[in-house]
């Protein structure tokens, strides 16, 4: 990839994008302070979750004089990687919760609404309550939609009848309750088709449950089944041997290409569509508890917008995270079309890249940093040990630590310490404050 040097002139930028040039010419005429018009900002960020707040904080640390708005309707903010630990009895649910108002950066304006439509040709968007908001640069990161209703009968039985999911704040404690109460019977754990956020989370729930049953001496009485829509246990082969050791240790039965399509909570019957060669069959399985991971898709207002790729997610360049068509639009997190694992660790690396590239775009310059697809999945294979999967585009291993400290392909107590004690404070007090610990943006080489 060849790009202009960091100090490219405005004339140089003409060859990159006429839209960027026009933007740079008008930027100096706008008041960059937070007192600018409430309907127009230098930067508008759609989404106040991990990606939105981390990116805003990174940008405001670099330039305190920009005007920036975050659009998000939620009063509550969650450290979602912690929900697996809640379901495993290691965290309390409240440990993963903060109020949104306490996390929005002080110099950002919070617009408590939802976006109804985008008008990228006119650099504006419309909110559901009728506000038209203009921007110089747009950053889109509203997360992913959990499509509970795609599984027949599931919404009606969630949180009762032994049906649970760590993918919801209010249900993760129910997971642990079910695990504690189950002394014999059948426990099902499901994984839907990709993409999903935290692809390891479906099996993490199984491992931590089995670890608890093993400790209580009841594991031999429980038929543990993992039903995965995919054809492999984990997408990066280097981590599979360690995971298979735990599958065998816990006597878990693997069912590949087995997709949950219906749940009858009262009858405690789960229905799967299973592939057998060229044939697909419906199979009913009785359960005492079932941990469900719902199918996941791009939010409706993204899928129906001009920003969407064919798969419904925001269409961006996988390296620069800039939109493929609109040079002043960026996206990151679960809502963008990049093929990386959708994890909080990915956002930790993406946010600084978008921050510097968006600021460059405001100045009429091309992107100056790139993203290598980094994602991390701390696979909690037992209480006290983690297989720390870290990888980038194409499944390339991208370990953060030397093998003598942490060999990510093997279970480690130090990796558990990282997951249990270190990452939550890093999230709340580092990442969401714009502190880019081990996440400095990688600069694109200039030629």
Protein backbone atom coordinates (compact mmCIF):
# COMPACT_ATOMS: atom_id res chain seq x y z
CA UNK A 1 0.00 0.00 0.00
CA UNK A 2 1.42 3.40 -1.02
CA UNK A 3 0.29 6.55 0.79
CA UNK A 4 1.23 10.19 0.98
CA UNK A 5 3.70 11.17 3.72
CA UNK A 6 2.26 12.28 7.02
CA UNK A 7 2.99 15.94 6.20
CA UNK A 8 1.23 15.85 2.83
CA UNK A 9 0.02 19.23 1.61
CA UNK A 10 -3.56 20.12 0.71
CA UNK A 11 -2.59 19.96 -2.95
CA UNK A 12 -1.29 16.42 -2.43
CA UNK A 13 -4.63 15.43 -0.92
CA UNK A 14 -6.46 16.30 -4.17
CA UNK A 15 -5.13 13.10 -5.69
CA UNK A 16 -6.60 11.12 -2.79
CA UNK A 17 -10.13 12.48 -2.66
CA UNK A 18 -11.89 15.64 -3.87
CA UNK A 19 -14.25 15.20 -0.93
CA UNK A 20 -11.37 15.41 1.53
CA UNK A 21 -10.03 18.52 -0.20
CA UNK A 22 -13.38 20.30 0.03
CA UNK A 23 -13.65 19.27 3.66
CA UNK A 24 -10.22 20.66 4.49
CA UNK A 25 -11.03 23.98 2.78
CA UNK A 26 -14.15 24.45 4.88
CA UNK A 27 -12.81 23.09 8.17
CA UNK A 28 -11.02 26.32 9.04
CA UNK A 29 -14.29 28.24 8.71
CA UNK A 30 -16.01 26.12 11.36
CA UNK A 31 -15.83 26.75 15.08
CA UNK A 32 -14.01 23.65 16.39
CA UNK A 33 -14.97 24.15 20.03
CA UNK A 34 -17.75 22.27 21.83
CA UNK A 35 -19.82 25.45 21.62
CA UNK A 36 -20.27 24.96 17.89
CA UNK A 37 -23.76 24.55 16.49
CA UNK A 38 -25.53 21.68 18.22
CA UNK A 39 -26.62 20.34 14.82
CA UNK A 40 -23.15 20.13 13.24
CA UNK A 41 -19.84 18.80 14.47
CA UNK A 42 -16.35 18.08 13.20
CA UNK A 43 -16.89 14.46 14.25
CA UNK A 44 -20.04 12.47 14.88
CA UNK A 45 -19.68 9.02 16.42
CA UNK A 46 -22.66 6.67 16.10
CA UNK A 47 -22.52 4.35 19.10
CA UNK A 48 -21.46 4.92 22.68
CA UNK A 49 -20.22 1.43 23.45
CA UNK A 50 -16.61 0.30 23.72
CA UNK A 51 -15.64 1.42 20.22
CA UNK A 52 -17.36 4.80 20.34
CA UNK A 53 -16.07 5.95 23.72
CA UNK A 54 -12.54 4.61 23.19
CA UNK A 55 -12.27 6.35 19.81
CA UNK A 56 -13.68 9.63 21.15
CA UNK A 57 -11.28 9.57 24.09
CA UNK A 58 -8.30 8.88 21.81
CA UNK A 59 -9.26 11.72 19.48
CA UNK A 60 -9.84 14.25 22.25
CA UNK A 61 -6.48 13.43 23.82
CA UNK A 62 -4.87 14.33 20.50
CA UNK A 63 -6.90 17.47 19.81
CA UNK A 64 -8.97 19.11 22.55
CA UNK A 65 -10.34 21.74 20.18
CA UNK A 66 -12.42 19.55 17.91
CA UNK A 67 -16.20 19.42 18.22
CA UNK A 68 -17.40 15.87 18.71
CA UNK A 69 -20.77 14.26 19.38
CA UNK A 70 -21.63 10.70 20.41
CA UNK A 71 -25.09 9.41 19.49
CA UNK A 72 -26.35 6.63 21.75
CA UNK A 73 -29.65 6.14 23.61
CA UNK A 74 -28.39 3.83 26.37
CA UNK A 75 -28.15 4.83 30.03
CA UNK A 76 -26.00 1.82 30.85
CA UNK A 77 -22.62 0.60 29.67
CA UNK A 78 -21.26 -2.91 30.10
CA UNK A 79 -17.90 -4.67 30.07
CA UNK A 80 -19.27 -7.51 28.01
CA UNK A 81 -16.15 -9.74 28.06
CA UNK A 82 -16.88 -10.12 31.77
CA UNK A 83 -20.23 -11.84 31.23
CA UNK A 84 -18.54 -15.19 30.59
CA UNK A 85 -16.92 -14.80 34.00
CA UNK A 86 -20.30 -13.94 35.55
CA UNK A 87 -21.76 -17.11 34.05
CA UNK A 88 -18.81 -19.04 35.48
CA UNK A 89 -19.18 -17.60 38.96
CA UNK A 90 -15.93 -15.58 38.87
CA UNK A 91 -17.45 -12.06 38.59
CA UNK A 92 -20.61 -10.46 39.93
CA UNK A 93 -22.86 -9.00 37.26
CA UNK A 94 -22.59 -5.51 38.74
CA UNK A 95 -18.80 -5.65 38.36
CA UNK A 96 -19.37 -5.38 34.58
CA UNK A 97 -21.71 -2.37 34.73
CA UNK A 98 -21.25 1.41 34.73
CA UNK A 99 -23.49 4.37 33.91
CA UNK A 100 -23.00 5.78 30.41
CA UNK A 101 -23.00 9.36 31.70
CA UNK A 102 -19.89 8.62 33.75
CA UNK A 103 -17.97 7.37 30.70
CA UNK A 104 -18.76 9.91 27.97
CA UNK A 105 -15.62 12.10 27.60
CA UNK A 106 -16.09 15.53 29.16
CA UNK A 107 -15.51 17.44 25.91
CA UNK A 108 -17.91 15.27 23.86
CA UNK A 109 -21.58 16.12 23.43
CA UNK A 110 -23.88 13.17 24.16
CA UNK A 111 -26.96 12.98 21.95
CA UNK A 112 -29.32 10.46 23.55
CA UNK A 113 -31.07 9.17 20.48
CA UNK A 114 -30.83 6.55 17.75
CA UNK A 115 -29.97 7.04 14.10
CA UNK A 116 -32.78 6.39 11.66
CA UNK A 117 -30.99 7.14 8.36
CA UNK A 118 -27.76 8.37 6.79
CA UNK A 119 -27.27 10.93 4.01
CA UNK A 120 -23.56 10.55 3.25
CA UNK A 121 -23.71 12.64 0.08
CA UNK A 122 -24.72 15.62 2.22
CA UNK A 123 -22.60 14.72 5.27
CA UNK A 124 -25.60 14.39 7.56
CA UNK A 125 -27.79 11.89 9.34
CA UNK A 126 -31.26 11.85 10.83
CA UNK A 127 -32.18 10.61 14.31
CA UNK A 128 -35.40 8.87 15.28
CA UNK A 129 -36.55 11.96 17.19
CA UNK A 130 -36.16 14.17 14.11
CA UNK A 131 -32.75 15.77 14.63
CA UNK A 132 -30.71 16.38 11.50
CA UNK A 133 -27.05 16.30 12.45
CA UNK A 134 -24.22 17.32 10.16
CA UNK A 135 -20.61 16.23 10.33
CA UNK A 136 -17.26 16.69 8.69
CA UNK A 137 -16.20 13.16 9.55
CA UNK A 138 -18.50 10.30 10.57
CA UNK A 139 -17.47 7.30 12.69
CA UNK A 140 -19.94 4.40 12.78
CA UNK A 141 -19.71 1.83 15.61
CA UNK A 142 -23.16 0.87 16.92
CA UNK A 143 -22.26 -2.76 17.61
CA UNK A 144 -24.03 -5.88 16.41
CA UNK A 145 -27.65 -7.06 16.65
CA UNK A 146 -28.39 -10.18 18.69
CA UNK A 147 -31.17 -11.84 16.72
CA UNK A 148 -32.89 -13.83 19.48
CA UNK A 149 -36.09 -14.10 17.46
CA UNK A 150 -34.31 -16.04 14.70
CA UNK A 151 -34.60 -19.12 16.92
CA UNK A 152 -38.23 -20.23 17.22
CA UNK A 153 -39.54 -20.09 20.78
CA UNK A 154 -36.36 -18.67 22.26
CA UNK A 155 -37.49 -15.14 23.29
CA UNK A 156 -40.44 -16.55 25.26
CA UNK A 157 -38.34 -18.94 27.35
CA UNK A 158 -35.09 -17.05 27.96
CA UNK A 159 -34.29 -16.81 31.64
CA UNK A 160 -36.51 -19.72 32.67
CA UNK A 161 -37.04 -23.42 32.00
CA UNK A 162 -33.27 -23.95 32.08
CA UNK A 163 -32.69 -21.69 29.05
CA UNK A 164 -29.93 -19.12 29.46
CA UNK A 165 -27.24 -17.09 27.68
CA UNK A 166 -24.10 -15.23 28.77
CA UNK A 167 -24.76 -12.82 25.91
CA UNK A 168 -27.15 -10.83 28.12
CA UNK A 169 -26.28 -9.00 31.34
CA UNK A 170 -29.42 -10.13 33.13
CA UNK A 171 -29.05 -13.78 32.08
CA UNK A 172 -25.39 -14.47 32.90
CA UNK A 173 -26.18 -14.89 36.64
CA UNK A 174 -28.91 -17.36 35.68
CA UNK A 175 -26.28 -19.41 33.84
CA UNK A 176 -24.27 -19.81 37.02
CA UNK A 177 -27.40 -20.64 39.01
CA UNK A 178 -28.28 -23.41 36.58
CA UNK A 179 -24.75 -24.79 36.69
CA UNK A 180 -24.72 -24.84 40.49
CA UNK A 181 -28.10 -26.58 40.64
CA UNK A 182 -27.45 -29.24 37.99
CA UNK A 183 -26.17 -32.52 39.47
CA UNK A 184 -27.23 -34.85 36.66
CA UNK A 185 -28.87 -34.64 33.25
CA UNK A 186 -28.12 -33.09 29.85
CA UNK A 187 -26.44 -29.71 29.31
CA UNK A 188 -26.39 -28.23 25.81
CA UNK A 189 -24.15 -25.39 24.60
CA UNK A 190 -24.73 -23.86 21.17
CA UNK A 191 -22.84 -21.73 18.67
CA UNK A 192 -24.58 -20.07 15.67
CA UNK A 193 -23.09 -19.31 12.25
CA UNK A 194 -20.42 -16.63 12.03
CA UNK A 195 -20.02 -13.75 12.41
CA UNK A 196 -20.61 -13.43 16.14
CA UNK A 197 -18.94 -11.32 18.78
CA UNK A 198 -16.32 -13.23 20.73
CA UNK A 199 -16.32 -16.46 18.76
CA UNK A 200 -14.85 -18.33 21.73
CA UNK A 201 -17.60 -17.34 24.18
CA UNK A 202 -19.96 -20.22 23.34
CA UNK A 203 -17.36 -22.81 24.32
CA UNK A 204 -16.04 -20.74 27.24
CA UNK A 205 -19.45 -21.18 28.85
CA UNK A 206 -19.13 -24.93 28.43
CA UNK A 207 -15.60 -25.15 29.83
CA UNK A 208 -16.35 -23.11 32.95
CA UNK A 209 -19.54 -25.09 33.58
CA UNK A 210 -17.66 -28.36 33.25
CA UNK A 211 -14.91 -27.07 35.54
CA UNK A 212 -17.52 -26.37 38.20
CA UNK A 213 -19.19 -29.78 37.77
CA UNK A 214 -15.78 -31.47 37.90
CA UNK A 215 -14.96 -29.68 41.15
CA UNK A 216 -18.32 -30.70 42.63
CA UNK A 217 -17.82 -34.32 41.58
CA UNK A 218 -20.93 -34.49 39.38
CA UNK A 219 -19.45 -34.18 35.88
CA UNK A 220 -19.73 -37.94 35.25
CA UNK A 221 -23.51 -37.65 35.72
CA UNK A 222 -23.93 -34.92 33.07
CA UNK A 223 -24.16 -35.40 29.30
CA UNK A 224 -22.36 -32.31 27.96
CA UNK A 225 -22.99 -31.50 24.30
CA UNK A 226 -21.53 -28.69 22.19
CA UNK A 227 -23.54 -27.92 19.04
CA UNK A 228 -21.56 -25.75 16.63
CA UNK A 229 -22.91 -24.49 13.30
CA UNK A 230 -19.34 -24.46 12.02
CA UNK A 231 -17.16 -27.37 10.94
CA UNK A 232 -14.28 -26.84 13.39
CA UNK A 233 -13.91 -26.22 17.11
CA UNK A 234 -11.89 -23.00 16.67
CA UNK A 235 -10.91 -21.10 13.54
CA UNK A 236 -7.17 -20.86 14.27
CA UNK A 237 -5.70 -24.36 14.23
CA UNK A 238 -2.79 -23.69 16.60
CA UNK A 239 -5.19 -23.42 19.55
CA UNK A 240 -7.24 -26.52 18.79
CA UNK A 241 -4.95 -29.17 20.41
CA UNK A 242 -5.16 -27.53 23.86
CA UNK A 243 -8.92 -27.11 23.53
CA UNK A 244 -9.37 -30.74 22.49
CA UNK A 245 -7.55 -31.85 25.63
CA UNK A 246 -10.30 -30.18 27.65
CA UNK A 247 -13.06 -31.56 25.42
CA UNK A 248 -11.72 -35.04 26.20
CA UNK A 249 -11.14 -34.28 29.89
CA UNK A 250 -14.74 -33.12 30.31
CA UNK A 251 -16.13 -35.91 28.06
CA UNK A 252 -18.01 -33.30 26.02
CA UNK A 253 -19.68 -34.48 22.83
CA UNK A 254 -18.92 -32.33 19.79
CA UNK A 255 -21.62 -31.84 17.16
CA UNK A 256 -20.37 -29.89 14.14
CA UNK A 257 -22.63 -28.35 11.50
CA UNK A 258 -25.45 -28.52 14.05
CA UNK A 259 -27.50 -25.33 14.20
CA UNK A 260 -30.10 -24.53 16.86
CA UNK A 261 -33.35 -23.50 15.16
CA UNK A 262 -36.00 -23.87 17.89
CA UNK A 263 -36.39 -24.17 21.66
CA UNK A 264 -39.45 -25.47 23.49
CA UNK A 265 -38.71 -24.33 27.02
CA UNK A 266 -41.65 -25.95 28.76
CA UNK A 267 -41.02 -29.33 27.13
CA UNK A 268 -37.23 -28.79 27.44
CA UNK A 269 -36.63 -29.79 23.83
CA UNK A 270 -34.08 -28.14 21.52
CA UNK A 271 -34.33 -28.61 17.76
CA UNK A 272 -31.21 -28.60 15.60
CA UNK A 273 -30.64 -28.67 11.87
CA UNK A 274 -27.73 -31.01 11.29
CA UNK A 275 -25.81 -31.69 8.11
CA UNK A 276 -25.08 -35.30 7.22
CA UNK A 277 -23.22 -35.22 3.92
CA UNK A 278 -25.53 -33.60 1.39
CA UNK A 279 -28.56 -34.09 3.61
CA UNK A 280 -29.85 -31.80 6.37
CA UNK A 281 -31.96 -33.33 9.13
CA UNK A 282 -33.92 -31.87 12.03
CA UNK A 283 -32.99 -33.47 15.33
CA UNK A 284 -34.71 -32.95 18.67
CA UNK A 285 -32.60 -33.13 21.83
CA UNK A 286 -33.98 -33.10 25.38
CA UNK A 287 -32.10 -30.91 27.87
CA UNK A 288 -31.99 -29.96 31.53
CA UNK A 289 -30.14 -26.73 30.77
CA UNK A 290 -29.17 -25.05 27.52
CA UNK A 291 -26.78 -22.16 26.99
CA UNK A 292 -27.81 -20.41 23.79
CA UNK A 293 -25.79 -18.02 21.65
CA UNK A 294 -28.12 -16.17 19.26
CA UNK A 295 -27.44 -15.54 15.57
CA UNK A 296 -25.96 -12.09 15.03
CA UNK A 297 -26.38 -9.59 12.21
CA UNK A 298 -25.68 -5.94 11.46
CA UNK A 299 -28.13 -3.48 13.05
CA UNK A 300 -31.21 -2.85 10.89
CA UNK A 301 -30.44 0.83 10.31
CA UNK A 302 -26.97 -0.11 9.03
CA UNK A 303 -28.13 -2.96 6.78
CA UNK A 304 -30.68 -0.71 5.06
CA UNK A 305 -28.27 2.21 4.62
CA UNK A 306 -25.97 3.29 1.78
CA UNK A 307 -23.03 2.52 4.08
CA UNK A 308 -23.61 -1.25 4.04
CA UNK A 309 -21.59 -3.89 2.26
CA UNK A 310 -23.31 -6.96 0.82
CA UNK A 311 -23.14 -8.68 4.20
CA UNK A 312 -24.98 -5.77 5.85
CA UNK A 313 -22.04 -4.43 7.83
CA UNK A 314 -20.39 -1.05 7.21
CA UNK A 315 -18.23 -1.42 4.11
CA UNK A 316 -14.67 -0.43 5.04
CA UNK A 317 -11.10 -1.02 3.93
CA UNK A 318 -9.80 -3.72 6.32
CA UNK A 319 -6.51 -1.90 6.92
CA UNK A 320 -7.44 1.79 7.22
CA UNK A 321 -11.06 1.22 8.40
CA UNK A 322 -12.17 3.99 6.03
CA UNK A 323 -15.37 3.49 4.06
CA UNK A 324 -14.82 2.06 0.60
CA UNK A 325 -16.87 4.82 -1.04
CA UNK A 326 -17.10 7.77 1.37
CA UNK A 327 -13.67 9.13 2.30
CA UNK A 328 -14.90 10.95 5.40
CA UNK A 329 -16.60 7.93 6.98
CA UNK A 330 -14.92 5.32 9.18
CA UNK A 331 -16.19 2.30 11.07
CA UNK A 332 -14.86 -0.05 13.71
CA UNK A 333 -15.98 -2.64 16.20
CA UNK A 334 -18.67 -5.24 15.63
CA UNK A 335 -20.55 -3.18 13.02
CA UNK A 336 -17.80 -2.97 10.39
CA UNK A 337 -17.16 -5.43 7.57
CA UNK A 338 -13.58 -6.37 8.46
CA UNK A 339 -12.99 -10.16 8.65
CA UNK A 340 -11.27 -10.07 12.06
CA UNK A 341 -12.67 -11.69 15.20
CA UNK A 342 -15.25 -9.37 16.72
CA UNK A 343 -13.76 -8.87 20.20
CA UNK A 344 -13.08 -6.09 22.69
CA UNK A 345 -9.38 -6.67 22.06
CA UNK A 346 -9.92 -5.91 18.38
CA UNK A 347 -11.54 -2.59 19.28
CA UNK A 348 -8.61 -1.79 21.57
CA UNK A 349 -6.35 -1.85 18.49
CA UNK A 350 -8.87 -0.37 16.04
CA UNK A 351 -9.80 2.73 18.07
CA UNK A 352 -6.39 4.46 17.87
CA UNK A 353 -6.19 3.67 14.13
CA UNK A 354 -9.57 5.28 13.49
CA UNK A 355 -8.70 8.20 15.79
CA UNK A 356 -5.60 9.22 13.86
CA UNK A 357 -7.10 8.47 10.43
CA UNK A 358 -10.26 10.45 11.19
CA UNK A 359 -8.22 13.43 12.39
CA UNK A 360 -6.14 13.18 9.21
CA UNK A 361 -9.34 13.14 7.15
CA UNK A 362 -10.51 16.38 8.81
CA UNK A 363 -7.25 17.96 7.66
CA UNK A 364 -7.73 16.70 4.11
CA UNK A 365 -5.06 14.00 4.40
CA UNK A 366 -5.15 10.29 3.59
CA UNK A 367 -5.11 7.64 6.30
CA UNK A 368 -1.84 7.45 8.22
CA UNK A 369 -2.31 4.24 10.22
CA UNK A 370 -3.43 0.68 9.54
CA UNK A 371 -4.93 -2.25 11.44
CA UNK A 372 -3.58 -5.79 11.15
CA UNK A 373 -6.75 -7.64 12.14
CA UNK A 374 -5.63 -8.26 15.72
CA UNK A 375 -8.14 -9.92 17.98
CA UNK A 376 -7.85 -11.83 21.21
CA UNK A 377 -9.97 -14.53 22.78
CA UNK A 378 -8.96 -15.60 26.29
CA UNK A 379 -10.47 -19.09 26.30
CA UNK A 380 -11.36 -19.91 29.90
CA UNK A 381 -10.78 -23.66 29.73
CA UNK A 382 -11.10 -24.14 33.50
CA UNK A 383 -11.45 -21.97 36.58
CA UNK A 384 -7.92 -20.62 36.97
CA UNK A 385 -6.53 -21.34 33.48
CA UNK A 386 -6.88 -19.64 30.09
CA UNK A 387 -5.72 -20.44 26.57
CA UNK A 388 -4.86 -16.93 25.34
CA UNK A 389 -5.68 -16.92 21.63
CA UNK A 390 -4.27 -13.85 19.85
CA UNK A 391 -4.35 -13.63 16.08
CA UNK A 392 -4.86 -11.31 13.13
CA UNK A 393 -6.01 -11.42 9.54
CA UNK A 394 -5.65 -14.83 7.94
CA UNK A 395 -5.26 -16.51 11.33
CA UNK A 396 -1.71 -15.17 11.76
CA UNK A 397 -0.60 -15.54 15.39
CA UNK A 398 -0.01 -12.14 17.01
CA UNK A 399 1.08 -12.85 20.60
CA UNK A 400 1.50 -9.87 22.92
CA UNK A 401 3.95 -11.68 25.17
CA UNK A 402 7.06 -13.79 24.68
CA UNK A 403 6.54 -17.54 24.82
CA UNK A 404 8.65 -17.80 27.94
CA UNK A 405 6.08 -15.61 29.72
CA UNK A 406 2.83 -16.80 28.14
CA UNK A 407 2.56 -19.50 25.50
CA UNK A 408 -0.88 -18.67 24.18
CA UNK A 409 -1.37 -22.11 22.68
CA UNK A 410 -1.26 -23.73 26.13
CA UNK A 411 -3.48 -23.22 29.21
CA UNK A 412 -1.91 -20.74 31.62
CA UNK A 413 -2.59 -19.43 35.12
CA UNK A 414 -0.93 -16.14 34.17
CA UNK A 415 -3.43 -15.74 31.32
CA UNK A 416 -6.25 -16.27 33.84
CA UNK A 417 -4.73 -13.52 36.00
CA UNK A 418 -4.75 -11.27 32.93
CA UNK A 419 -8.43 -12.05 32.24
CA UNK A 420 -9.49 -11.92 35.89
CA UNK A 421 -7.54 -9.05 37.41
CA UNK A 422 -5.82 -6.97 34.75
CA UNK A 423 -8.09 -6.55 31.73
CA UNK A 424 -11.16 -5.07 33.52
CA UNK A 425 -9.17 -2.12 35.03
CA UNK A 426 -7.38 -1.67 31.69
CA UNK A 427 -10.81 -1.38 30.08
CA UNK A 428 -12.40 1.09 32.50
CA UNK A 429 -9.36 3.21 33.35
CA UNK A 430 -7.24 2.84 30.24
CA UNK A 431 -9.06 2.08 27.03
CA UNK A 432 -12.15 4.21 27.72
CA UNK A 433 -9.93 7.10 28.81
CA UNK A 434 -7.91 7.15 25.59
CA UNK A 435 -4.83 5.51 27.14
CA UNK A 436 -3.47 3.31 24.39
CA UNK A 437 -1.47 0.82 26.44
CA UNK A 438 0.06 -1.72 24.03
CA UNK A 439 -2.22 -0.29 21.33
CA UNK A 440 -0.35 2.59 19.71
CA UNK A 441 -1.50 2.98 16.10
CA UNK A 442 0.79 1.43 13.51
CA UNK A 443 1.86 4.08 11.01
CA UNK A 444 1.59 3.30 7.30
CA UNK A 445 5.02 3.33 5.70
CA UNK A 446 5.57 6.38 3.50
CA UNK A 447 7.33 6.05 0.15
